[in-house]
PDB file of N, CA and C in Angstrom:
ATOM      1  N   UNK A   1      47.258 103.269   5.638  1.00  0.00           N
ATOM      2  CA  UNK A   1      47.966 103.665   6.856  1.00  0.00           C
ATOM      3  C   UNK A   1      49.328 102.676   7.340  1.00  0.00           C
ATOM      4  N   UNK A   2      48.987 101.351   7.348  1.00  0.00           N
ATOM      5  CA  UNK A   2      49.903 100.475   7.727  1.00  0.00           C
ATOM      6  C   UNK A   2      51.129 100.775   7.136  1.00  0.00           C
ATOM      7  N   UNK A   3      51.127 100.827   5.592  1.00  0.00           N
ATOM      8  CA  UNK A   3      52.361 101.007   4.875  1.00  0.00           C
ATOM      9  C   UNK A   3      53.176 102.087   5.153  1.00  0.00           C
ATOM     10  N   UNK A   4      52.364 103.240   5.386  1.00  0.00           N
ATOM     11  CA  UNK A   4      53.181 104.297   5.756  1.00  0.00           C
ATOM     12  C   UNK A   4      53.844 104.030   7.177  1.00  0.00           C
ATOM     13  N   UNK A   5      53.097 103.454   8.008  1.00  0.00           N
ATOM     14  CA  UNK A   5      53.636 103.579   9.457  1.00  0.00           C
ATOM     15  C   UNK A   5      54.906 102.492   9.473  1.00  0.00           C
ATOM     16  N   UNK A   6      54.898 101.553   8.497  1.00  0.00           N
ATOM     17  CA  UNK A   6      55.651 100.453   8.261  1.00  0.00           C
ATOM     18  C   UNK A   6      56.845 101.230   7.583  1.00  0.00           C
ATOM     19  N   UNK A   7      56.918 102.106   6.738  1.00  0.00           N
ATOM     20  CA  UNK A   7      57.940 102.613   6.037  1.00  0.00           C
ATOM     21  C   UNK A   7      58.625 103.596   6.915  1.00  0.00           C
ATOM     22  N   UNK A   8      57.818 104.444   7.556  1.00  0.00           N
ATOM     23  CA  UNK A   8      58.264 105.227   8.873  1.00  0.00           C
ATOM     24  C   UNK A   8      59.239 104.526   9.634  1.00  0.00           C
ATOM     25  N   UNK A   9      59.005 103.461  10.158  1.00  0.00           N
ATOM     26  CA  UNK A   9      59.522 102.474  11.236  1.00  0.00           C
ATOM     27  C   UNK A   9      61.030 101.822  10.506  1.00  0.00           C
ATOM     28  N   UNK A  10      60.772 101.616   9.592  1.00  0.00           N
ATOM     29  CA  UNK A  10      62.044 101.033   8.837  1.00  0.00           C
ATOM     30  C   UNK A  10      63.116 102.172   8.430  1.00  0.00           C
ATOM     31  N   UNK A  11      62.564 103.327   7.875  1.00  0.00           N
ATOM     32  CA  UNK A  11      63.412 104.507   7.586  1.00  0.00           C
ATOM     33  C   UNK A  11      64.128 105.013   8.892  1.00  0.00           C
ATOM     34  N   UNK A  12      63.553 104.709  10.162  1.00  0.00           N
ATOM     35  CA  UNK A  12      64.139 105.254  11.269  1.00  0.00           C
ATOM     36  C   UNK A  12      64.884 104.295  11.859  1.00  0.00           C
ATOM     37  N   UNK A  13      64.870 102.776  11.585  1.00  0.00           N
ATOM     38  CA  UNK A  13      65.900 102.034  11.697  1.00  0.00           C
ATOM     39  C   UNK A  13      67.231 101.734  10.991  1.00  0.00           C
ATOM     40  N   UNK A  14      66.791 102.281   9.944  1.00  0.00           N
ATOM     41  CA  UNK A  14      68.106 102.522   8.713  1.00  0.00           C
ATOM     42  C   UNK A  14      68.620 103.571   9.457  1.00  0.00           C
ATOM     43  N   UNK A  15      68.073 104.573   9.583  1.00  0.00           N
ATOM     44  CA  UNK A  15      68.982 105.830   9.875  1.00  0.00           C
ATOM     45  C   UNK A  15      69.660 105.869  11.265  1.00  0.00           C
ATOM     46  N   UNK A  16      69.479 104.971  12.231  1.00  0.00           N
ATOM     47  CA  UNK A  16      69.914 104.506  13.661  1.00  0.00           C
ATOM     48  C   UNK A  16      70.921 103.674  13.257  1.00  0.00           C
ATOM     49  N   UNK A  17      71.105 102.550  12.207  1.00  0.00           N
ATOM     50  CA  UNK A  17      71.865 101.759  11.951  1.00  0.00           C
ATOM     51  C   UNK A  17      73.065 102.286  11.198  1.00  0.00           C
ATOM     52  N   UNK A  18      72.886 103.426  10.313  1.00  0.00           N
ATOM     53  CA  UNK A  18      73.819 104.367   9.791  1.00  0.00           C
ATOM     54  C   UNK A  18      74.588 105.271  10.620  1.00  0.00           C
ATOM     55  N   UNK A  19      73.655 105.845  11.686  1.00  0.00           N
ATOM     56  CA  UNK A  19      74.291 106.948  11.933  1.00  0.00           C
ATOM     57  C   UNK A  19      75.110 106.471  13.289  1.00  0.00           C
ATOM     58  N   UNK A  20      74.710 105.537  14.092  1.00  0.00           N
ATOM     59  CA  UNK A  20      75.145 105.045  15.206  1.00  0.00           C
ATOM     60  C   UNK A  20      76.418 104.589  15.418  1.00  0.00           C
ATOM     61  N   UNK A  21      77.069 103.911  14.333  1.00  0.00           N
ATOM     62  CA  UNK A  21      78.213 103.578  14.369  1.00  0.00           C
ATOM     63  C   UNK A  21      79.481 104.708  14.372  1.00  0.00           C
ATOM     64  N   UNK A  22      78.961 105.575  13.650  1.00  0.00           N
ATOM     65  CA  UNK A  22      79.887 106.829  13.578  1.00  0.00           C
ATOM     66  C   UNK A  22      80.303 107.253  14.766  1.00  0.00           C
ATOM     67  N   UNK A  23      79.466 107.300  15.728  1.00  0.00           N
ATOM     68  CA  UNK A  23      79.818 107.829  16.966  1.00  0.00           C
ATOM     69  C   UNK A  23      80.434 106.666  18.104  1.00  0.00           C
ATOM     70  N   UNK A  24      81.075 105.717  17.583  1.00  0.00           N
ATOM     71  CA  UNK A  24      81.663 104.667  18.571  1.00  0.00           C
ATOM     72  C   UNK A  24      83.233 104.834  17.767  1.00  0.00           C
ATOM     73  N   UNK A  25      84.225 104.391  18.925  1.00  0.00           N
ATOM     74  CA  UNK A  25      85.443 104.389  18.287  1.00  0.00           C
ATOM     75  C   UNK A  25      86.185 103.283  17.506  1.00  0.00           C
ATOM     76  N   UNK A  26      87.000 104.041  16.612  1.00  0.00           N
ATOM     77  CA  UNK A  26      86.965 102.571  15.501  1.00  0.00           C
ATOM     78  C   UNK A  26      88.350 101.727  16.307  1.00  0.00           C
ATOM     79  N   UNK A  27      89.271 102.099  17.019  1.00  0.00           N
ATOM     80  CA  UNK A  27      90.007 101.275  17.411  1.00  0.00           C
ATOM     81  C   UNK A  27      89.682 100.948  19.056  1.00  0.00           C
ATOM     82  N   UNK A  28      88.522 100.860  19.588  1.00  0.00           N
ATOM     83  CA  UNK A  28      88.232 100.796  20.744  1.00  0.00           C
ATOM     84  C   UNK A  28      88.253 101.686  21.570  1.00  0.00           C
ATOM     85  N   UNK A  29      87.668 101.830  22.965  1.00  0.00           N
ATOM     86  CA  UNK A  29      87.541 102.813  23.712  1.00  0.00           C
ATOM     87  C   UNK A  29      88.955 103.234  24.641  1.00  0.00           C
ATOM     88  N   UNK A  30      89.563 102.395  24.688  1.00  0.00           N
ATOM     89  CA  UNK A  30      90.674 102.550  25.745  1.00  0.00           C
ATOM     90  C   UNK A  30      92.278 102.781  24.585  1.00  0.00           C
ATOM     91  N   UNK A  31      92.887 103.864  25.040  1.00  0.00           N
ATOM     92  CA  UNK A  31      94.209 104.068  24.339  1.00  0.00           C
ATOM     93  C   UNK A  31      95.441 103.560  25.130  1.00  0.00           C
ATOM     94  N   UNK A  32      96.133 103.000  24.555  1.00  0.00           N
ATOM     95  CA  UNK A  32      97.559 102.258  25.299  1.00  0.00           C
ATOM     96  C   UNK A  32      98.094 103.589  26.089  1.00  0.00           C
ATOM     97  N   UNK A  33      98.588 103.274  27.052  1.00  0.00           N
ATOM     98  CA  UNK A  33      99.557 104.193  28.192  1.00  0.00           C
ATOM     99  C   UNK A  33     100.748 104.461  27.297  1.00  0.00           C
ATOM    100  N   UNK A  34     101.461 103.357  27.007  1.00  0.00           N
ATOM    101  CA  UNK A  34     102.715 103.551  26.344  1.00  0.00           C
ATOM    102  C   UNK A  34     102.618 104.072  24.976  1.00  0.00           C
ATOM    103  N   UNK A  35     101.846 104.200  23.965  1.00  0.00           N
ATOM    104  CA  UNK A  35     101.730 105.090  22.852  1.00  0.00           C
ATOM    105  C   UNK A  35     101.518 106.237  23.089  1.00  0.00           C
ATOM    106  N   UNK A  36     100.802 106.921  24.199  1.00  0.00           N
ATOM    107  CA  UNK A  36     100.459 108.075  24.669  1.00  0.00           C
ATOM    108  C   UNK A  36     101.669 108.628  25.418  1.00  0.00           C
ATOM    109  N   UNK A  37     102.458 107.859  26.148  1.00  0.00           N
ATOM    110  CA  UNK A  37     103.828 108.168  26.553  1.00  0.00           C
ATOM    111  C   UNK A  37     104.903 108.573  25.618  1.00  0.00           C
ATOM    112  N   UNK A  38     104.856 107.768  24.268  1.00  0.00           N
ATOM    113  CA  UNK A  38     105.814 107.924  23.653  1.00  0.00           C
ATOM    114  C   UNK A  38     105.600 109.052  22.811  1.00  0.00           C
ATOM    115  N   UNK A  39     104.605 109.491  22.223  1.00  0.00           N
ATOM    116  CA  UNK A  39     104.110 110.652  21.934  1.00  0.00           C
ATOM    117  C   UNK A  39     104.607 111.897  22.463  1.00  0.00           C
ATOM    118  N   UNK A  40     104.537 112.191  23.784  1.00  0.00           N
ATOM    119  CA  UNK A  40     104.850 113.045  24.670  1.00  0.00           C
ATOM    120  C   UNK A  40     106.133 113.262  24.966  1.00  0.00           C
ATOM    121  N   UNK A  41     106.901 112.107  24.898  1.00  0.00           N
ATOM    122  CA  UNK A  41     108.639 112.434  25.354  1.00  0.00           C
ATOM    123  C   UNK A  41     109.540 112.582  24.031  1.00  0.00           C
ATOM    124  N   UNK A  42     110.435 113.632  24.133  1.00  0.00           N
ATOM    125  CA  UNK A  42     111.124 114.037  22.991  1.00  0.00           C
ATOM    126  C   UNK A  42     112.673 113.638  23.439  1.00  0.00           C
ATOM    127  N   UNK A  43     113.013 113.663  24.777  1.00  0.00           N
ATOM    128  CA  UNK A  43     114.151 113.572  25.081  1.00  0.00           C
ATOM    129  C   UNK A  43     114.227 112.338  26.108  1.00  0.00           C
ATOM    130  N   UNK A  44     115.294 112.000  26.485  1.00  0.00           N
ATOM    131  CA  UNK A  44     115.701 111.040  27.203  1.00  0.00           C
ATOM    132  C   UNK A  44     115.693 110.965  28.704  1.00  0.00           C
ATOM    133  N   UNK A  45     115.142 110.092  30.008  1.00  0.00           N
ATOM    134  CA  UNK A  45     115.312 110.328  30.998  1.00  0.00           C
ATOM    135  C   UNK A  45     116.428 110.401  31.548  1.00  0.00           C
ATOM    136  N   UNK A  46     116.895 111.055  32.778  1.00  0.00           N
ATOM    137  CA  UNK A  46     118.332 110.877  33.606  1.00  0.00           C
ATOM    138  C   UNK A  46     118.299 110.441  34.420  1.00  0.00           C
ATOM    139  N   UNK A  47     118.746 109.168  34.795  1.00  0.00           N
ATOM    140  CA  UNK A  47     118.812 108.329  35.701  1.00  0.00           C
ATOM    141  C   UNK A  47     119.443 109.155  37.054  1.00  0.00           C
ATOM    142  N   UNK A  48     118.520 109.082  38.358  1.00  0.00           N
ATOM    143  CA  UNK A  48     118.713 109.977  39.267  1.00  0.00           C
ATOM    144  C   UNK A  48     119.786 108.755  40.430  1.00  0.00           C
ATOM    145  N   UNK A  49     119.921 107.474  40.138  1.00  0.00           N
ATOM    146  CA  UNK A  49     120.812 106.748  40.944  1.00  0.00           C
ATOM    147  C   UNK A  49     121.101 105.572  40.154  1.00  0.00           C
ATOM    148  N   UNK A  50     122.420 104.976  40.488  1.00  0.00           N
ATOM    149  CA  UNK A  50     122.760 103.925  39.891  1.00  0.00           C
ATOM    150  C   UNK A  50     121.697 102.641  40.014  1.00  0.00           C
ATOM    151  N   UNK A  51     121.917 101.803  38.808  1.00  0.00           N
ATOM    152  CA  UNK A  51     120.972 100.704  38.701  1.00  0.00           C
ATOM    153  C   UNK A  51     121.330  99.714  37.771  1.00  0.00           C
ATOM    154  N   UNK A  52     121.230  98.551  37.968  1.00  0.00           N
ATOM    155  CA  UNK A  52     121.702  97.260  37.205  1.00  0.00           C
ATOM    156  C   UNK A  52     120.415  97.274  35.703  1.00  0.00           C
ATOM    157  N   UNK A  53     121.211  96.726  34.785  1.00  0.00           N
ATOM    158  CA  UNK A  53     120.773  96.652  33.728  1.00  0.00           C
ATOM    159  C   UNK A  53     120.415  94.822  33.157  1.00  0.00           C
ATOM    160  N   UNK A  54     119.284  94.453  33.464  1.00  0.00           N
ATOM    161  CA  UNK A  54     119.171  92.972  33.317  1.00  0.00           C
ATOM    162  C   UNK A  54     118.855  92.623  31.812  1.00  0.00           C
ATOM    163  N   UNK A  55     118.973  91.316  31.649  1.00  0.00           N
ATOM    164  CA  UNK A  55     118.879  90.633  30.201  1.00  0.00           C
ATOM    165  C   UNK A  55     117.285  90.241  30.078  1.00  0.00           C
ATOM    166  N   UNK A  56     116.598  90.123  31.133  1.00  0.00           N
ATOM    167  CA  UNK A  56     114.989  89.847  31.183  1.00  0.00           C
ATOM    168  C   UNK A  56     114.407  90.638  32.285  1.00  0.00           C
ATOM    169  N   UNK A  57     113.128  90.462  31.970  1.00  0.00           N
ATOM    170  CA  UNK A  57     112.324  90.973  32.932  1.00  0.00           C
ATOM    171  C   UNK A  57     111.786  89.959  34.003  1.00  0.00           C
ATOM    172  N   UNK A  58     113.265  89.482  34.841  1.00  0.00           N
ATOM    173  CA  UNK A  58     113.187  88.901  36.021  1.00  0.00           C
ATOM    174  C   UNK A  58     114.124  89.078  36.869  1.00  0.00           C
ATOM    175  N   UNK A  59     113.980  88.979  38.187  1.00  0.00           N
ATOM    176  CA  UNK A  59     115.078  89.202  39.274  1.00  0.00           C
ATOM    177  C   UNK A  59     116.178  88.210  39.305  1.00  0.00           C
ATOM    178  N   UNK A  60     115.952  87.121  38.418  1.00  0.00           N
ATOM    179  CA  UNK A  60     116.965  86.129  38.961  1.00  0.00           C
ATOM    180  C   UNK A  60     117.859  86.032  37.125  1.00  0.00           C
ATOM    181  N   UNK A  61     117.724  87.271  36.461  1.00  0.00           N
ATOM    182  CA  UNK A  61     118.240  86.946  35.338  1.00  0.00           C
ATOM    183  C   UNK A  61     119.908  87.812  35.434  1.00  0.00           C
ATOM    184  N   UNK A  62     120.548  87.490  34.636  1.00  0.00           N
ATOM    185  CA  UNK A  62     121.872  88.032  34.353  1.00  0.00           C
ATOM    186  C   UNK A  62     122.188  89.489  34.419  1.00  0.00           C
ATOM    187  N   UNK A  63     122.852  90.254  34.987  1.00  0.00           N
ATOM    188  CA  UNK A  63     123.229  91.671  34.693  1.00  0.00           C
ATOM    189  C   UNK A  63     123.958  91.874  33.799  1.00  0.00           C
ATOM    190  N   UNK A  64     123.609  92.983  32.733  1.00  0.00           N
ATOM    191  CA  UNK A  64     124.033  93.477  31.284  1.00  0.00           C
ATOM    192  C   UNK A  64     125.168  94.550  32.114  1.00  0.00           C
ATOM    193  N   UNK A  65     124.809  95.366  32.606  1.00  0.00           N
ATOM    194  CA  UNK A  65     125.806  96.580  32.916  1.00  0.00           C
ATOM    195  C   UNK A  65     125.099  97.276  34.117  1.00  0.00           C
ATOM    196  N   UNK A  66     126.220  97.915  34.517  1.00  0.00           N
ATOM    197  CA  UNK A  66     125.475  98.800  35.676  1.00  0.00           C
ATOM    198  C   UNK A  66     125.691 100.290  35.088  1.00  0.00           C
ATOM    199  N   UNK A  67     124.506 100.889  35.363  1.00  0.00           N
ATOM    200  CA  UNK A  67     124.619 102.137  34.727  1.00  0.00           C
ATOM    201  C   UNK A  67     124.565 103.272  36.182  1.00  0.00           C
ATOM    202  N   UNK A  68     125.355 104.308  35.733  1.00  0.00           N
ATOM    203  CA  UNK A  68     125.706 105.142  36.690  1.00  0.00           C
ATOM    204  C   UNK A  68     124.312 106.426  36.817  1.00  0.00           C
ATOM    205  N   UNK A  69     124.494 107.140  37.882  1.00  0.00           N
ATOM    206  CA  UNK A  69     123.595 108.010  38.069  1.00  0.00           C
ATOM    207  C   UNK A  69     123.743 109.336  36.819  1.00  0.00           C
ATOM    208  N   UNK A  70     122.975 109.978  36.618  1.00  0.00           N
ATOM    209  CA  UNK A  70     123.159 111.011  35.664  1.00  0.00           C
ATOM    210  C   UNK A  70     123.151 110.661  34.110  1.00  0.00           C
ATOM    211  N   UNK A  71     123.177 109.113  33.846  1.00  0.00           N
ATOM    212  CA  UNK A  71     123.098 108.647  32.262  1.00  0.00           C
ATOM    213  C   UNK A  71     121.839 108.807  31.663  1.00  0.00           C
ATOM    214  N   UNK A  72     121.664 109.406  30.623  1.00  0.00           N
ATOM    215  CA  UNK A  72     120.632 109.363  29.939  1.00  0.00           C
ATOM    216  C   UNK A  72     119.809 107.962  29.338  1.00  0.00           C
ATOM    217  N   UNK A  73     118.480 108.017  29.838  1.00  0.00           N
ATOM    218  CA  UNK A  73     118.023 106.546  29.630  1.00  0.00           C
ATOM    219  C   UNK A  73     116.454 106.860  28.756  1.00  0.00           C
ATOM    220  N   UNK A  74     116.739 106.143  27.719  1.00  0.00           N
ATOM    221  CA  UNK A  74     115.121 106.261  26.821  1.00  0.00           C
ATOM    222  C   UNK A  74     114.375 104.846  27.151  1.00  0.00           C
ATOM    223  N   UNK A  75     113.387 105.120  27.714  1.00  0.00           N
ATOM    224  CA  UNK A  75     112.479 104.228  27.979  1.00  0.00           C
ATOM    225  C   UNK A  75     111.567 103.460  26.458  1.00  0.00           C
ATOM    226  N   UNK A  76     111.657 102.362  26.204  1.00  0.00           N
ATOM    227  CA  UNK A  76     111.364 101.637  25.308  1.00  0.00           C
ATOM    228  C   UNK A  76     109.766 101.018  25.590  1.00  0.00           C
ATOM    229  N   UNK A  77     109.730 100.208  26.662  1.00  0.00           N
ATOM    230  CA  UNK A  77     108.394  99.632  26.739  1.00  0.00           C
ATOM    231  C   UNK A  77     108.260  99.512  28.410  1.00  0.00           C
ATOM    232  N   UNK A  78     107.028  99.678  28.963  1.00  0.00           N
ATOM    233  CA  UNK A  78     106.693  99.129  29.941  1.00  0.00           C
ATOM    234  C   UNK A  78     106.136  97.797  30.565  1.00  0.00           C
ATOM    235  N   UNK A  79     106.414  96.910  31.183  1.00  0.00           N
ATOM    236  CA  UNK A  79     105.896  95.518  31.168  1.00  0.00           C
ATOM    237  C   UNK A  79     105.604  95.276  32.737  1.00  0.00           C
ATOM    238  N   UNK A  80     104.328  94.631  32.784  1.00  0.00           N
ATOM    239  CA  UNK A  80     104.082  94.490  34.594  1.00  0.00           C
ATOM    240  C   UNK A  80     103.908  92.792  34.474  1.00  0.00           C
ATOM    241  N   UNK A  81     104.821  92.527  35.480  1.00  0.00           N
ATOM    242  CA  UNK A  81     104.895  90.874  35.469  1.00  0.00           C
ATOM    243  C   UNK A  81     103.711  90.313  36.392  1.00  0.00           C
ATOM    244  N   UNK A  82     104.067  88.899  36.536  1.00  0.00           N
ATOM    245  CA  UNK A  82     102.996  87.978  37.287  1.00  0.00           C
ATOM    246  C   UNK A  82     103.152  88.496  38.628  1.00  0.00           C
ATOM    247  N   UNK A  83     104.550  88.965  39.006  1.00  0.00           N
ATOM    248  CA  UNK A  83     104.555  89.116  40.644  1.00  0.00           C
ATOM    249  C   UNK A  83     104.118  90.534  40.946  1.00  0.00           C
ATOM    250  N   UNK A  84     103.324  91.304  40.300  1.00  0.00           N
ATOM    251  CA  UNK A  84     102.942  92.716  40.563  1.00  0.00           C
ATOM    252  C   UNK A  84     104.263  93.643  40.287  1.00  0.00           C
ATOM    253  N   UNK A  85     105.199  93.326  39.800  1.00  0.00           N
ATOM    254  CA  UNK A  85     106.344  94.544  39.726  1.00  0.00           C
ATOM    255  C   UNK A  85     106.179  94.953  38.403  1.00  0.00           C
ATOM    256  N   UNK A  86     106.826  95.937  38.315  1.00  0.00           N
ATOM    257  CA  UNK A  86     106.753  97.111  36.836  1.00  0.00           C
ATOM    258  C   UNK A  86     108.090  97.066  36.649  1.00  0.00           C
ATOM    259  N   UNK A  87     108.495  96.596  35.084  1.00  0.00           N
ATOM    260  CA  UNK A  87     109.750  96.762  34.694  1.00  0.00           C
ATOM    261  C   UNK A  87     109.635  97.659  33.133  1.00  0.00           C
ATOM    262  N   UNK A  88     110.852  98.347  33.322  1.00  0.00           N
ATOM    263  CA  UNK A  88     111.178  98.858  31.681  1.00  0.00           C
ATOM    264  C   UNK A  88     111.936  98.458  30.892  1.00  0.00           C
ATOM    265  N   UNK A  89     111.749  98.415  29.772  1.00  0.00           N
ATOM    266  CA  UNK A  89     112.876  98.057  28.506  1.00  0.00           C
ATOM    267  C   UNK A  89     113.456  99.427  28.446  1.00  0.00           C
ATOM    268  N   UNK A  90     114.789  99.575  28.238  1.00  0.00           N
ATOM    269  CA  UNK A  90     115.407 101.059  28.265  1.00  0.00           C
ATOM    270  C   UNK A  90     116.438 100.750  27.279  1.00  0.00           C
ATOM    271  N   UNK A  91     116.967 101.742  26.770  1.00  0.00           N
ATOM    272  CA  UNK A  91     117.921 102.129  26.103  1.00  0.00           C
ATOM    273  C   UNK A  91     119.012 103.007  26.597  1.00  0.00           C
ATOM    274  N   UNK A  92     120.339 102.306  26.651  1.00  0.00           N
ATOM    275  CA  UNK A  92     121.252 103.332  27.324  1.00  0.00           C
ATOM    276  C   UNK A  92     122.505 103.582  26.515  1.00  0.00           C
ATOM    277  N   UNK A  93     122.892 104.664  26.397  1.00  0.00           N
ATOM    278  CA  UNK A  93     124.314 104.793  25.801  1.00  0.00           C
ATOM    279  C   UNK A  93     125.253 104.226  26.753  1.00  0.00           C
ATOM    280  N   UNK A  94     126.094 103.274  26.168  1.00  0.00           N
ATOM    281  CA  UNK A  94     127.453 102.754  26.907  1.00  0.00           C
ATOM    282  C   UNK A  94     128.735 103.147  26.369  1.00  0.00           C
ATOM    283  N   UNK A  95     129.685 103.304  27.066  1.00  0.00           N
ATOM    284  CA  UNK A  95     131.062 103.746  26.273  1.00  0.00           C
ATOM    285  C   UNK A  95     131.728 102.479  26.578  1.00  0.00           C
ATOM    286  N   UNK A  96     132.400 101.645  25.715  1.00  0.00           N
ATOM    287  CA  UNK A  96     133.345 100.541  25.966  1.00  0.00           C
ATOM    288  C   UNK A  96     134.801 100.885  25.350  1.00  0.00           C
ATOM    289  N   UNK A  97     135.774 101.541  26.299  1.00  0.00           N
ATOM    290  CA  UNK A  97     136.987 102.119  25.685  1.00  0.00           C
ATOM    291  C   UNK A  97     136.877 102.946  24.822  1.00  0.00           C
ATOM    292  N   UNK A  98     137.306 103.057  23.599  1.00  0.00           N
ATOM    293  CA  UNK A  98     136.659 104.411  22.633  1.00  0.00           C
ATOM    294  C   UNK A  98     135.525 103.899  21.740  1.00  0.00           C
ATOM    295  N   UNK A  99     134.560 103.189  22.133  1.00  0.00           N
ATOM    296  CA  UNK A  99     133.407 102.944  21.444  1.00  0.00           C
ATOM    297  C   UNK A  99     132.257 103.413  22.195  1.00  0.00           C
ATOM    298  N   UNK A 100     131.363 104.095  21.380  1.00  0.00           N
ATOM    299  CA  UNK A 100     130.015 104.379  21.967  1.00  0.00           C
ATOM    300  C   UNK A 100     128.953 103.540  21.522  1.00  0.00           C
ATOM    301  N   UNK A 101     127.884 103.076  22.085  1.00  0.00           N
ATOM    302  CA  UNK A 101     127.099 102.032  21.525  1.00  0.00           C
ATOM    303  C   UNK A 101     125.741 102.133  22.731  1.00  0.00           C
ATOM    304  N   UNK A 102     124.612 102.071  21.810  1.00  0.00           N
ATOM    305  CA  UNK A 102     123.305 101.784  22.755  1.00  0.00           C
ATOM    306  C   UNK A 102     123.127 100.430  23.465  1.00  0.00           C
ATOM    307  N   UNK A 103     122.821 100.337  24.611  1.00  0.00           N
ATOM    308  CA  UNK A 103     122.645  98.663  24.956  1.00  0.00           C
ATOM    309  C   UNK A 103     121.032  98.758  25.701  1.00  0.00           C
ATOM    310  N   UNK A 104     120.069  98.003  25.205  1.00  0.00           N
ATOM    311  CA  UNK A 104     119.092  97.648  25.372  1.00  0.00           C
ATOM    312  C   UNK A 104     118.858  96.592  26.715  1.00  0.00           C
ATOM    313  N   UNK A 105     118.013  96.674  27.836  1.00  0.00           N
ATOM    314  CA  UNK A 105     117.934  96.232  29.038  1.00  0.00           C
ATOM    315  C   UNK A 105     116.830  96.231  29.591  1.00  0.00           C
ATOM    316  N   UNK A 106     116.634  95.370  30.778  1.00  0.00           N
ATOM    317  CA  UNK A 106     115.488  95.617  31.578  1.00  0.00           C
ATOM    318  C   UNK A 106     115.737  96.450  33.073  1.00  0.00           C
ATOM    319  N   UNK A 107     115.122  97.169  33.437  1.00  0.00           N
ATOM    320  CA  UNK A 107     115.161  97.867  34.728  1.00  0.00           C
ATOM    321  C   UNK A 107     113.876  97.457  35.416  1.00  0.00           C
ATOM    322  N   UNK A 108     113.914  97.324  36.744  1.00  0.00           N
ATOM    323  CA  UNK A 108     112.710  96.984  37.671  1.00  0.00           C
ATOM    324  C   UNK A 108     112.636  98.464  38.495  1.00  0.00           C
ATOM    325  N   UNK A 109     111.269  98.745  38.459  1.00  0.00           N
ATOM    326  CA  UNK A 109     111.111  99.863  39.300  1.00  0.00           C
ATOM    327  C   UNK A 109     110.012  99.870  40.252  1.00  0.00           C
TER     328      UNK A 109
END
């Protein structure tokens, strides 16, 4: 009887050990907000007011360009700084004389 009892206990532990990991998430329980947002946005966001495009995610960085209201802006990355301010890395279509090009920069929100 002791042999059958031991066999049943080990079989039960083996089944739990093989079945329980299949219910756990492979990459972790939390999904990144940025990946979720990137999959849902197909078109750029339109700027509602003018803003400065900065070279880095800090208030004392230099300004790359002044973006006018109505310009399409594509969000690339979201950054939360140590000062509890949120920054967006954006790509903006800029015109310089006869040339159109994309410029990347940081915007504080």
